C-alpha atoms as a PDB file:
ATOM      1  CA  MET A   1     102.658  99.371 123.627  1.00  0.00           C
ATOM      2  CA  GLY A   2     103.869 101.128 126.743  1.00  0.00           C
ATOM      3  CA  THR A   3     106.143  99.531 129.314  1.00  0.00           C
ATOM      4  CA  LEU A   4     105.323  99.907 132.972  1.00  0.00           C
ATOM      5  CA  PRO A   5     107.855  99.900 135.791  1.00  0.00           C
ATOM      6  CA  THR A   6     107.723  96.946 138.147  1.00  0.00           C
ATOM      7  CA  MET A   7     105.622  97.813 141.181  1.00  0.00           C
ATOM      8  CA  THR A   8     106.076  96.531 144.720  1.00  0.00           C
ATOM      9  CA  GLU A   9     103.150  98.447 146.263  1.00  0.00           C
ATOM     10  CA  PRO A  10      99.707  99.213 144.790  1.00  0.00           C
ATOM     11  CA  PRO A  11      99.812 102.621 143.101  1.00  0.00           C
ATOM     12  CA  VAL A  12      97.797 105.579 144.280  1.00  0.00           C
ATOM     13  CA  LEU A  13      94.863 105.521 141.899  1.00  0.00           C
ATOM     14  CA  PRO A  14      93.292 108.597 140.363  1.00  0.00           C
ATOM     15  CA  THR A  15      89.950 109.691 141.726  1.00  0.00           C
ATOM     16  CA  ALA A  16      87.519 108.400 139.127  1.00  0.00           C
ATOM     17  CA  THR A  17      84.344 106.423 138.682  1.00  0.00           C
ATOM     18  CA  TYR A  18      85.103 102.958 137.353  1.00  0.00           C
ATOM     19  CA  ALA A  19      82.649 100.573 135.712  1.00  0.00           C
ATOM     20  CA  ILE A  20      83.079  96.862 135.010  1.00  0.00           C
ATOM     21  CA  THR A  21      80.826  95.031 132.561  1.00  0.00           C
ATOM     22  CA  GLY A  22      79.879  91.440 133.251  1.00  0.00           C
ATOM     23  CA  ALA A  23      80.634  92.082 136.905  1.00  0.00           C
ATOM     24  CA  THR A  24      78.889  88.932 138.116  1.00  0.00           C
ATOM     25  CA  GLY A  25      80.963  86.773 135.759  1.00  0.00           C
ATOM     26  CA  HIS A  26      84.290  85.167 136.634  1.00  0.00           C
ATOM     27  CA  LEU A  27      86.624  87.821 135.243  1.00  0.00           C
ATOM     28  CA  GLY A  28      84.415  90.831 135.925  1.00  0.00           C
ATOM     29  CA  ARG A  29      83.928  89.950 139.589  1.00  0.00           C
ATOM     30  CA  LEU A  30      87.658  89.491 140.047  1.00  0.00           C
ATOM     31  CA  ALA A  31      88.228  92.910 138.476  1.00  0.00           C
ATOM     32  CA  VAL A  32      85.820  94.502 140.942  1.00  0.00           C
ATOM     33  CA  ASP A  33      87.701  92.832 143.782  1.00  0.00           C
ATOM     34  CA  ALA A  34      91.026  94.057 142.367  1.00  0.00           C
ATOM     35  CA  LEU A  35      89.805  97.660 142.272  1.00  0.00           C
ATOM     36  CA  LEU A  36      88.628  97.464 145.870  1.00  0.00           C
ATOM     37  CA  ARG A  37      91.921  95.922 147.015  1.00  0.00           C
ATOM     38  CA  ARG A  38      93.757  98.808 145.387  1.00  0.00           C
ATOM     39  CA  GLY A  39      91.880 101.242 147.577  1.00  0.00           C
ATOM     40  CA  VAL A  40      89.220 102.519 145.204  1.00  0.00           C
ATOM     41  CA  PRO A  41      86.207 103.464 147.358  1.00  0.00           C
ATOM     42  CA  ALA A  42      83.302 101.102 146.742  1.00  0.00           C
ATOM     43  CA  ARG A  43      81.116 104.094 145.882  1.00  0.00           C
ATOM     44  CA  ASN A  44      83.428 104.770 142.923  1.00  0.00           C
ATOM     45  CA  VAL A  45      83.040 101.260 141.529  1.00  0.00           C
ATOM     46  CA  ILE A  46      80.008 100.474 139.376  1.00  0.00           C
ATOM     47  CA  ALA A  47      79.123  96.874 138.545  1.00  0.00           C
ATOM     48  CA  LEU A  48      77.346  96.643 135.205  1.00  0.00           C
ATOM     49  CA  VAL A  49      75.274  93.471 135.100  1.00  0.00           C
ATOM     50  CA  ARG A  50      72.495  92.022 133.011  1.00  0.00           C
ATOM     51  CA  ASP A  51      70.506  90.987 136.089  1.00  0.00           C
ATOM     52  CA  PRO A  52      70.963  93.295 139.123  1.00  0.00           C
ATOM     53  CA  ASP A  53      69.127  90.761 141.305  1.00  0.00           C
ATOM     54  CA  LYS A  54      72.180  88.498 140.986  1.00  0.00           C
ATOM     55  CA  ALA A  55      74.556  91.195 142.260  1.00  0.00           C
ATOM     56  CA  GLY A  56      73.350  91.457 145.833  1.00  0.00           C
ATOM     57  CA  ASP A  57      76.760  90.496 147.237  1.00  0.00           C
ATOM     58  CA  LEU A  58      78.343  93.385 145.332  1.00  0.00           C
ATOM     59  CA  ALA A  59      75.725  95.821 146.575  1.00  0.00           C
ATOM     60  CA  GLU A  60      76.437  94.695 150.136  1.00  0.00           C
ATOM     61  CA  LEU A  61      80.062  95.774 149.617  1.00  0.00           C
ATOM     62  CA  GLY A  62      78.856  99.269 148.753  1.00  0.00           C
ATOM     63  CA  VAL A  63      79.530  98.835 145.042  1.00  0.00           C
ATOM     64  CA  GLY A  64      77.034 100.516 142.730  1.00  0.00           C
ATOM     65  CA  VAL A  65      74.989  98.104 140.647  1.00  0.00           C
ATOM     66  CA  ARG A  66      73.404  99.090 137.327  1.00  0.00           C
ATOM     67  CA  GLY A  67      71.532  97.020 134.793  1.00  0.00           C
ATOM     68  CA  ALA A  68      73.376  96.840 131.464  1.00  0.00           C
ATOM     69  CA  ASP A  69      72.510  94.320 128.759  1.00  0.00           C
ATOM     70  CA  TYR A  70      74.814  94.097 125.732  1.00  0.00           C
ATOM     71  CA  ASP A  71      71.769  93.184 123.617  1.00  0.00           C
ATOM     72  CA  ARG A  72      69.673  96.160 124.792  1.00  0.00           C
ATOM     73  CA  PRO A  73      71.294  99.462 123.827  1.00  0.00           C
ATOM     74  CA  ASP A  74      68.577 101.351 125.728  1.00  0.00           C
ATOM     75  CA  THR A  75      70.063 100.043 128.993  1.00  0.00           C
ATOM     76  CA  LEU A  76      73.629 101.039 128.202  1.00  0.00           C
ATOM     77  CA  GLY A  77      73.337 104.833 128.081  1.00  0.00           C
ATOM     78  CA  PRO A  78      71.890 105.155 131.604  1.00  0.00           C
ATOM     79  CA  ALA A  79      74.336 102.523 132.881  1.00  0.00           C
ATOM     80  CA  LEU A  80      77.349 104.498 131.642  1.00  0.00           C
ATOM     81  CA  GLU A  81      76.205 107.916 132.818  1.00  0.00           C
ATOM     82  CA  GLY A  82      78.996 109.543 134.830  1.00  0.00           C
ATOM     83  CA  ILE A  83      81.473 106.728 134.174  1.00  0.00           C
ATOM     84  CA  GLU A  84      85.035 107.878 133.572  1.00  0.00           C
ATOM     85  CA  ARG A  85      86.827 104.560 133.065  1.00  0.00           C
ATOM     86  CA  LEU A  86      85.254 101.395 131.695  1.00  0.00           C
ATOM     87  CA  LEU A  87      86.422  97.782 131.597  1.00  0.00           C
ATOM     88  CA  LEU A  88      84.596  96.065 128.736  1.00  0.00           C
ATOM     89  CA  VAL A  89      84.786  92.351 129.465  1.00  0.00           C
ATOM     90  CA  SER A  90      84.196  90.469 126.234  1.00  0.00           C
ATOM     91  CA  SER A  91      80.847  88.774 125.807  1.00  0.00           C
ATOM     92  CA  PRO A  92      80.613  85.018 126.426  1.00  0.00           C
ATOM     93  CA  THR A  93      78.380  84.610 123.354  1.00  0.00           C
ATOM     94  CA  PRO A  94      80.308  83.698 120.182  1.00  0.00           C
ATOM     95  CA  GLY A  95      78.631  84.897 117.026  1.00  0.00           C
ATOM     96  CA  ARG A  96      77.093  87.960 118.671  1.00  0.00           C
ATOM     97  CA  ARG A  97      80.141  89.600 120.176  1.00  0.00           C
ATOM     98  CA  VAL A  98      80.768  92.268 117.546  1.00  0.00           C
ATOM     99  CA  GLU A  99      77.232  93.639 117.695  1.00  0.00           C
ATOM    100  CA  GLN A 100      77.144  93.456 121.486  1.00  0.00           C
ATOM    101  CA  HIS A 101      80.523  95.118 121.955  1.00  0.00           C
ATOM    102  CA  THR A 102      79.687  97.785 119.401  1.00  0.00           C
ATOM    103  CA  ASN A 103      76.576  98.642 121.403  1.00  0.00           C
ATOM    104  CA  VAL A 104      78.706  99.209 124.504  1.00  0.00           C
ATOM    105  CA  ILE A 105      81.386 101.217 122.688  1.00  0.00           C
ATOM    106  CA  ARG A 106      78.821 103.506 121.080  1.00  0.00           C
ATOM    107  CA  ALA A 107      77.152 104.072 124.429  1.00  0.00           C
ATOM    108  CA  ALA A 108      80.533 104.791 126.026  1.00  0.00           C
ATOM    109  CA  ASP A 109      81.308 107.340 123.334  1.00  0.00           C
ATOM    110  CA  ALA A 110      77.935 109.030 123.792  1.00  0.00           C
ATOM    111  CA  ALA A 111      78.481 109.112 127.575  1.00  0.00           C
ATOM    112  CA  ASP A 112      81.949 110.699 127.188  1.00  0.00           C
ATOM    113  CA  VAL A 113      83.707 107.845 128.970  1.00  0.00           C
ATOM    114  CA  GLY A 114      87.345 108.867 129.264  1.00  0.00           C
ATOM    115  CA  HIS A 115      89.076 105.496 128.926  1.00  0.00           C
ATOM    116  CA  VAL A 116      88.039 101.990 127.831  1.00  0.00           C
ATOM    117  CA  VAL A 117      89.903  98.728 128.437  1.00  0.00           C
ATOM    118  CA  TYR A 118      88.757  95.752 126.358  1.00  0.00           C
ATOM    119  CA  THR A 119      89.605  92.089 126.984  1.00  0.00           C
ATOM    120  CA  SER A 120      90.638  90.516 123.676  1.00  0.00           C
ATOM    121  CA  ILE A 121      92.636  87.417 122.698  1.00  0.00           C
ATOM    122  CA  LEU A 122      96.374  86.854 122.386  1.00  0.00           C
ATOM    123  CA  HIS A 123      97.820  87.866 118.987  1.00  0.00           C
ATOM    124  CA  ALA A 124      94.325  88.796 117.824  1.00  0.00           C
ATOM    125  CA  ASP A 125      95.458  90.451 114.600  1.00  0.00           C
ATOM    126  CA  GLU A 126      97.893  87.670 113.640  1.00  0.00           C
ATOM    127  CA  THR A 127      96.438  84.373 114.797  1.00  0.00           C
ATOM    128  CA  GLU A 128      94.272  81.910 112.886  1.00  0.00           C
ATOM    129  CA  ASN A 129      92.489  81.049 116.131  1.00  0.00           C
ATOM    130  CA  VAL A 130      88.775  80.686 115.411  1.00  0.00           C
ATOM    131  CA  LEU A 131      87.922  83.034 118.282  1.00  0.00           C
ATOM    132  CA  ALA A 132      90.015  85.901 116.934  1.00  0.00           C
ATOM    133  CA  PRO A 133      87.872  87.484 114.159  1.00  0.00           C
ATOM    134  CA  GLU A 134      85.211  88.836 116.526  1.00  0.00           C
ATOM    135  CA  HIS A 135      87.882  90.276 118.797  1.00  0.00           C
ATOM    136  CA  VAL A 136      89.696  91.917 115.871  1.00  0.00           C
ATOM    137  CA  ALA A 137      86.424  93.413 114.664  1.00  0.00           C
ATOM    138  CA  THR A 138      85.753  94.787 118.155  1.00  0.00           C
ATOM    139  CA  GLU A 139      89.260  96.244 118.311  1.00  0.00           C
ATOM    140  CA  ASP A 140      88.577  97.975 114.981  1.00  0.00           C
ATOM    141  CA  VAL A 141      85.336  99.451 116.316  1.00  0.00           C
ATOM    142  CA  LEU A 142      87.163 100.684 119.399  1.00  0.00           C
ATOM    143  CA  GLN A 143      89.956 102.163 117.286  1.00  0.00           C
ATOM    144  CA  GLY A 144      87.418 103.954 115.109  1.00  0.00           C
ATOM    145  CA  SER A 145      85.454 105.332 118.052  1.00  0.00           C
ATOM    146  CA  GLY A 146      88.067 107.924 118.978  1.00  0.00           C
ATOM    147  CA  LEU A 147      87.882 106.871 122.626  1.00  0.00           C
ATOM    148  CA  PRO A 148      91.148 106.510 124.545  1.00  0.00           C
ATOM    149  CA  PHE A 149      91.581 102.766 124.956  1.00  0.00           C
ATOM    150  CA  ALA A 150      93.814  99.873 125.905  1.00  0.00           C
ATOM    151  CA  VAL A 151      93.338  96.300 124.709  1.00  0.00           C
ATOM    152  CA  ALA A 152      94.281  93.452 127.040  1.00  0.00           C
ATOM    153  CA  ARG A 153      94.987  90.587 124.656  1.00  0.00           C
ATOM    154  CA  ASN A 154      94.651  87.769 127.140  1.00  0.00           C
ATOM    155  CA  GLY A 155      96.066  84.305 126.646  1.00  0.00           C
ATOM    156  CA  TRP A 156      94.276  81.176 127.789  1.00  0.00           C
ATOM    157  CA  TYR A 157      92.995  80.911 131.349  1.00  0.00           C
ATOM    158  CA  VAL A 158      94.778  78.320 133.491  1.00  0.00           C
ATOM    159  CA  GLU A 159      91.268  77.477 134.708  1.00  0.00           C
ATOM    160  CA  ASN A 160      90.550  76.024 131.245  1.00  0.00           C
ATOM    161  CA  TYR A 161      92.727  73.162 132.473  1.00  0.00           C
ATOM    162  CA  THR A 162      92.416  73.164 136.261  1.00  0.00           C
ATOM    163  CA  GLY A 163      88.632  73.146 135.863  1.00  0.00           C
ATOM    164  CA  ARG A 164      89.032  69.681 134.344  1.00  0.00           C
ATOM    165  CA  LEU A 165      91.437  68.417 136.986  1.00  0.00           C
ATOM    166  CA  ASP A 166      89.089  65.760 138.360  1.00  0.00           C
ATOM    167  CA  GLU A 167      88.598  64.414 134.839  1.00  0.00           C
ATOM    168  CA  TYR A 168      92.335  64.251 134.191  1.00  0.00           C
ATOM    169  CA  LEU A 169      92.953  62.479 137.483  1.00  0.00           C
ATOM    170  CA  ALA A 170      90.156  59.988 136.935  1.00  0.00           C
ATOM    171  CA  ARG A 171      91.375  59.109 133.438  1.00  0.00           C
ATOM    172  CA  GLY A 172      95.058  59.318 134.223  1.00  0.00           C
ATOM    173  CA  GLU A 173      95.624  61.272 131.043  1.00  0.00           C
ATOM    174  CA  ILE A 174      94.990  64.459 129.131  1.00  0.00           C
ATOM    175  CA  VAL A 175      93.856  63.768 125.574  1.00  0.00           C
ATOM    176  CA  GLY A 176      94.328  66.398 122.886  1.00  0.00           C
ATOM    177  CA  ALA A 177      95.820  67.367 119.561  1.00  0.00           C
ATOM    178  CA  ALA A 178      98.058  70.222 120.685  1.00  0.00           C
ATOM    179  CA  GLY A 179     101.334  68.458 119.892  1.00  0.00           C
ATOM    180  CA  ASP A 180     104.267  70.291 121.443  1.00  0.00           C
ATOM    181  CA  GLY A 181     102.463  73.617 121.247  1.00  0.00           C
ATOM    182  CA  ARG A 182     103.099  75.850 124.246  1.00  0.00           C
ATOM    183  CA  VAL A 183     100.393  77.822 126.035  1.00  0.00           C
ATOM    184  CA  SER A 184     101.162  81.073 127.860  1.00  0.00           C
ATOM    185  CA  ALA A 185      98.247  80.699 130.228  1.00  0.00           C
ATOM    186  CA  ALA A 186      97.601  82.671 133.415  1.00  0.00           C
ATOM    187  CA  THR A 187      94.917  82.679 136.077  1.00  0.00           C
ATOM    188  CA  ARG A 188      91.759  84.715 135.722  1.00  0.00           C
ATOM    189  CA  ALA A 189      92.780  86.633 138.839  1.00  0.00           C
ATOM    190  CA  ASP A 190      96.065  87.653 137.216  1.00  0.00           C
ATOM    191  CA  TYR A 191      94.332  88.804 134.034  1.00  0.00           C
ATOM    192  CA  ALA A 192      91.754  90.708 136.074  1.00  0.00           C
ATOM    193  CA  GLU A 193      94.473  92.464 138.063  1.00  0.00           C
ATOM    194  CA  ALA A 194      96.306  93.347 134.851  1.00  0.00           C
ATOM    195  CA  ALA A 195      93.118  94.770 133.357  1.00  0.00           C
ATOM    196  CA  VAL A 196      92.657  96.929 136.452  1.00  0.00           C
ATOM    197  CA  SER A 197      96.238  98.163 136.085  1.00  0.00           C
ATOM    198  CA  LEU A 198      95.411  99.271 132.546  1.00  0.00           C
ATOM    199  CA  LEU A 199      92.097 100.714 133.671  1.00  0.00           C
ATOM    200  CA  SER A 200      93.460 102.757 136.539  1.00  0.00           C
ATOM    201  CA  GLY A 201      96.908 103.773 135.322  1.00  0.00           C
ATOM    202  CA  ASP A 202      98.197 106.628 133.204  1.00  0.00           C
ATOM    203  CA  ILE A 203      95.963 106.702 130.137  1.00  0.00           C
ATOM    204  CA  THR A 204      98.614 108.167 127.834  1.00  0.00           C
ATOM    205  CA  ASP A 205     101.264 105.568 128.696  1.00  0.00           C
ATOM    206  CA  GLN A 206      98.916 102.598 128.595  1.00  0.00           C
ATOM    207  CA  GLN A 207      96.979 103.131 125.378  1.00  0.00           C
ATOM    208  CA  GLY A 208      97.374 100.462 122.729  1.00  0.00           C
ATOM    209  CA  TYR A 209      97.590  96.690 122.610  1.00  0.00           C
ATOM    210  CA  TRP A 210      99.025  94.503 125.354  1.00  0.00           C
ATOM    211  CA  GLU A 211      99.911  90.859 124.713  1.00  0.00           C
ATOM    212  CA  LEU A 212      99.370  89.102 128.034  1.00  0.00           C
ATOM    213  CA  GLY A 213     100.329  85.596 129.114  1.00  0.00           C
ATOM    214  CA  GLY A 214     102.154  83.658 131.793  1.00  0.00           C
ATOM    215  CA  PRO A 215     105.104  81.260 131.545  1.00  0.00           C
ATOM    216  CA  ALA A 216     104.464  78.896 128.629  1.00  0.00           C
ATOM    217  CA  PHE A 217     103.909  75.166 129.042  1.00  0.00           C
ATOM    218  CA  THR A 218     103.051  72.205 126.813  1.00  0.00           C
ATOM    219  CA  MET A 219     100.290  69.739 127.562  1.00  0.00           C
ATOM    220  CA  GLY A 220     103.042  67.313 128.549  1.00  0.00           C
ATOM    221  CA  ASP A 221     104.315  69.895 131.028  1.00  0.00           C
ATOM    222  CA  LEU A 222     100.786  70.309 132.363  1.00  0.00           C
ATOM    223  CA  ALA A 223     100.427  66.554 132.873  1.00  0.00           C
ATOM    224  CA  ALA A 224     103.781  66.424 134.681  1.00  0.00           C
ATOM    225  CA  ALA A 225     102.812  69.340 136.931  1.00  0.00           C
ATOM    226  CA  ILE A 226      99.519  67.675 137.847  1.00  0.00           C
ATOM    227  CA  THR A 227     101.410  64.476 138.642  1.00  0.00           C
ATOM    228  CA  ASP A 228     103.887  66.338 140.864  1.00  0.00           C
ATOM    229  CA  VAL A 229     101.204  68.254 142.769  1.00  0.00           C
ATOM    230  CA  THR A 230      98.683  65.452 143.251  1.00  0.00           C
ATOM    231  CA  GLY A 231     100.879  62.362 143.401  1.00  0.00           C
ATOM    232  CA  THR A 232      98.609  60.720 140.804  1.00  0.00           C
ATOM    233  CA  GLU A 233     100.270  59.948 137.500  1.00  0.00           C
ATOM    234  CA  VAL A 234      98.780  61.834 134.573  1.00  0.00           C
ATOM    235  CA  THR A 235     100.187  61.669 131.055  1.00  0.00           C
ATOM    236  CA  TYR A 236      99.428  63.510 127.839  1.00  0.00           C
ATOM    237  CA  ARG A 237      98.168  61.493 124.836  1.00  0.00           C
ATOM    238  CA  ASP A 238      98.462  63.397 121.590  1.00  0.00           C
ATOM    239  CA  LEU A 239      96.137  62.521 118.697  1.00  0.00           C
ATOM    240  CA  SER A 240      95.947  63.643 115.120  1.00  0.00           C
ATOM    241  CA  PRO A 241      93.332  66.360 114.507  1.00  0.00           C
ATOM    242  CA  GLY A 242      91.046  63.863 112.794  1.00  0.00           C
ATOM    243  CA  ASP A 243      91.356  61.257 115.526  1.00  0.00           C
ATOM    244  CA  TYR A 244      90.800  63.907 118.182  1.00  0.00           C
ATOM    245  CA  THR A 245      87.631  65.098 116.470  1.00  0.00           C
ATOM    246  CA  ASP A 246      86.404  61.518 116.255  1.00  0.00           C
ATOM    247  CA  ALA A 247      87.165  61.006 119.951  1.00  0.00           C
ATOM    248  CA  LEU A 248      85.157  64.092 120.882  1.00  0.00           C
ATOM    249  CA  ARG A 249      82.203  62.917 118.813  1.00  0.00           C
ATOM    250  CA  ALA A 250      82.418  59.444 120.323  1.00  0.00           C
ATOM    251  CA  ALA A 251      82.240  61.087 123.761  1.00  0.00           C
ATOM    252  CA  GLY A 252      78.907  62.642 122.803  1.00  0.00           C
ATOM    253  CA  MET A 253      79.931  66.023 121.435  1.00  0.00           C
ATOM    254  CA  ASP A 254      77.992  67.244 118.405  1.00  0.00           C
ATOM    255  CA  GLU A 255      79.891  67.654 115.148  1.00  0.00           C
ATOM    256  CA  ASP A 256      80.035  71.468 115.139  1.00  0.00           C
ATOM    257  CA  THR A 257      81.276  71.688 118.726  1.00  0.00           C
ATOM    258  CA  ALA A 258      83.815  68.927 118.161  1.00  0.00           C
ATOM    259  CA  GLY A 259      85.164  70.782 115.133  1.00  0.00           C
ATOM    260  CA  PHE A 260      85.367  73.996 117.137  1.00  0.00           C
ATOM    261  CA  VAL A 261      87.292  72.356 120.002  1.00  0.00           C
ATOM    262  CA  ALA A 262      89.624  70.641 117.555  1.00  0.00           C
ATOM    263  CA  ALA A 263      90.281  73.981 115.861  1.00  0.00           C
ATOM    264  CA  LEU A 264      91.358  75.437 119.202  1.00  0.00           C
ATOM    265  CA  GLU A 265      93.759  72.529 119.653  1.00  0.00           C
ATOM    266  CA  ALA A 266      95.154  73.224 116.196  1.00  0.00           C
ATOM    267  CA  SER A 267      95.755  76.830 117.210  1.00  0.00           C
ATOM    268  CA  THR A 268      97.723  75.604 120.210  1.00  0.00           C
ATOM    269  CA  ALA A 269      99.753  73.227 118.044  1.00  0.00           C
ATOM    270  CA  ARG A 270     100.672  76.150 115.750  1.00  0.00           C
ATOM    271  CA  GLY A 271     102.055  78.078 118.724  1.00  0.00           C
ATOM    272  CA  GLU A 272      99.434  80.813 118.546  1.00  0.00           C
ATOM    273  CA  LEU A 273      98.755  80.746 122.297  1.00  0.00           C
ATOM    274  CA  GLU A 274     102.349  81.457 123.289  1.00  0.00           C
ATOM    275  CA  THR A 275     103.955  84.824 123.975  1.00  0.00           C
ATOM    276  CA  ASP A 276     107.270  85.956 125.399  1.00  0.00           C
ATOM    277  CA  SER A 277     105.900  89.407 126.192  1.00  0.00           C
ATOM    278  CA  PRO A 278     106.716  90.615 129.742  1.00  0.00           C
ATOM    279  CA  ALA A 279     103.590  92.796 129.781  1.00  0.00           C
ATOM    280  CA  LEU A 280     101.598  90.693 132.236  1.00  0.00           C
ATOM    281  CA  GLU A 281     104.408  90.644 134.781  1.00  0.00           C
ATOM    282  CA  ASN A 282     104.948  94.383 134.328  1.00  0.00           C
ATOM    283  CA  LEU A 283     101.275  95.151 134.868  1.00  0.00           C
ATOM    284  CA  LEU A 284     101.094  92.899 137.918  1.00  0.00           C
ATOM    285  CA  GLY A 285     104.338  94.146 139.426  1.00  0.00           C
ATOM    286  CA  ARG A 286     105.201  90.515 140.189  1.00  0.00           C
ATOM    287  CA  ALA A 287     105.549  87.183 138.458  1.00  0.00           C
ATOM    288  CA  PRO A 288     102.282  85.593 137.295  1.00  0.00           C
ATOM    289  CA  THR A 289     100.889  82.824 139.485  1.00  0.00           C
ATOM    290  CA  PRO A 290     102.923  79.637 138.864  1.00  0.00           C
ATOM    291  CA  LEU A 291     101.105  76.737 137.221  1.00  0.00           C
ATOM    292  CA  VAL A 292     101.752  74.420 140.157  1.00  0.00           C
ATOM    293  CA  ASP A 293     100.230  76.960 142.558  1.00  0.00           C
ATOM    294  CA  ALA A 294      97.108  77.192 140.405  1.00  0.00           C
ATOM    295  CA  ILE A 295      96.833  73.398 140.393  1.00  0.00           C
ATOM    296  CA  ARG A 296      97.231  73.294 144.193  1.00  0.00           C
ATOM    297  CA  ALA A 297      94.531  75.955 144.603  1.00  0.00           C
ATOM    298  CA  ALA A 298      92.179  73.960 142.386  1.00  0.00           C
ATOM    299  CA  ARG A 299      92.582  70.989 144.701  1.00  0.00           C
ATOM    300  CA  LEU A 300      91.460  72.917 147.789  1.00  0.00           C
END
């Protein structure tokens, strides 16, 4: 993995045509915004979306909009025509990701795309996290394609927690089975900006695998931060994996989903969502957004 110098000003980006998949999704839209903020002309930014009718706001900015469906390879070749640098945002559909991502990578290879950045998961090739196998398989396809690439192995989104802030405040507690496991989470905006740094930077220096995450915190730390920011006391109640699964089922979750959520908690408890890598800060050229700031923003 390369190491970037800390930046205080946005770099001068190479003249290129950039494409972002899933550009109407949370991460993809933020990546489009990050490219535009860095001075890339809107005409050089292509939003690849499954439904172009839902991308009218992007078109109004002058961004190109092209239909591209991971499940329809016939749409991907035309969508990637003339694209020099591609951000492949991972599919939101577990169980189908490898096939979908392979479709995009093959189309990118056929279109002579010069650089691909893929959003993977932290420690993908080492973790027992249940989400990892599809990401590892995609990384292998990308490695075998011969395309120049960088893999952004993103940690958890802070929004996984701040999106449940009202629930935590109403209950006065966070319930889980993460133990003292620490999570190196960061905001979607930070991960999107980091992906754009990989997408737009020096291809030779930035090829490879980047472990990305913010300052680590436990669920107890999260509860304390919520308490400090909101003035409402929130605590963390840790359960055994079995009791946590039972609690999820009692709350109405089906057995398969409850087992899946509990498995993610187990991954946290094992420390698989923590990293001490400085890569995210280096790519951002600043410290990642503090947890308390993300909580404050979620309250606005």
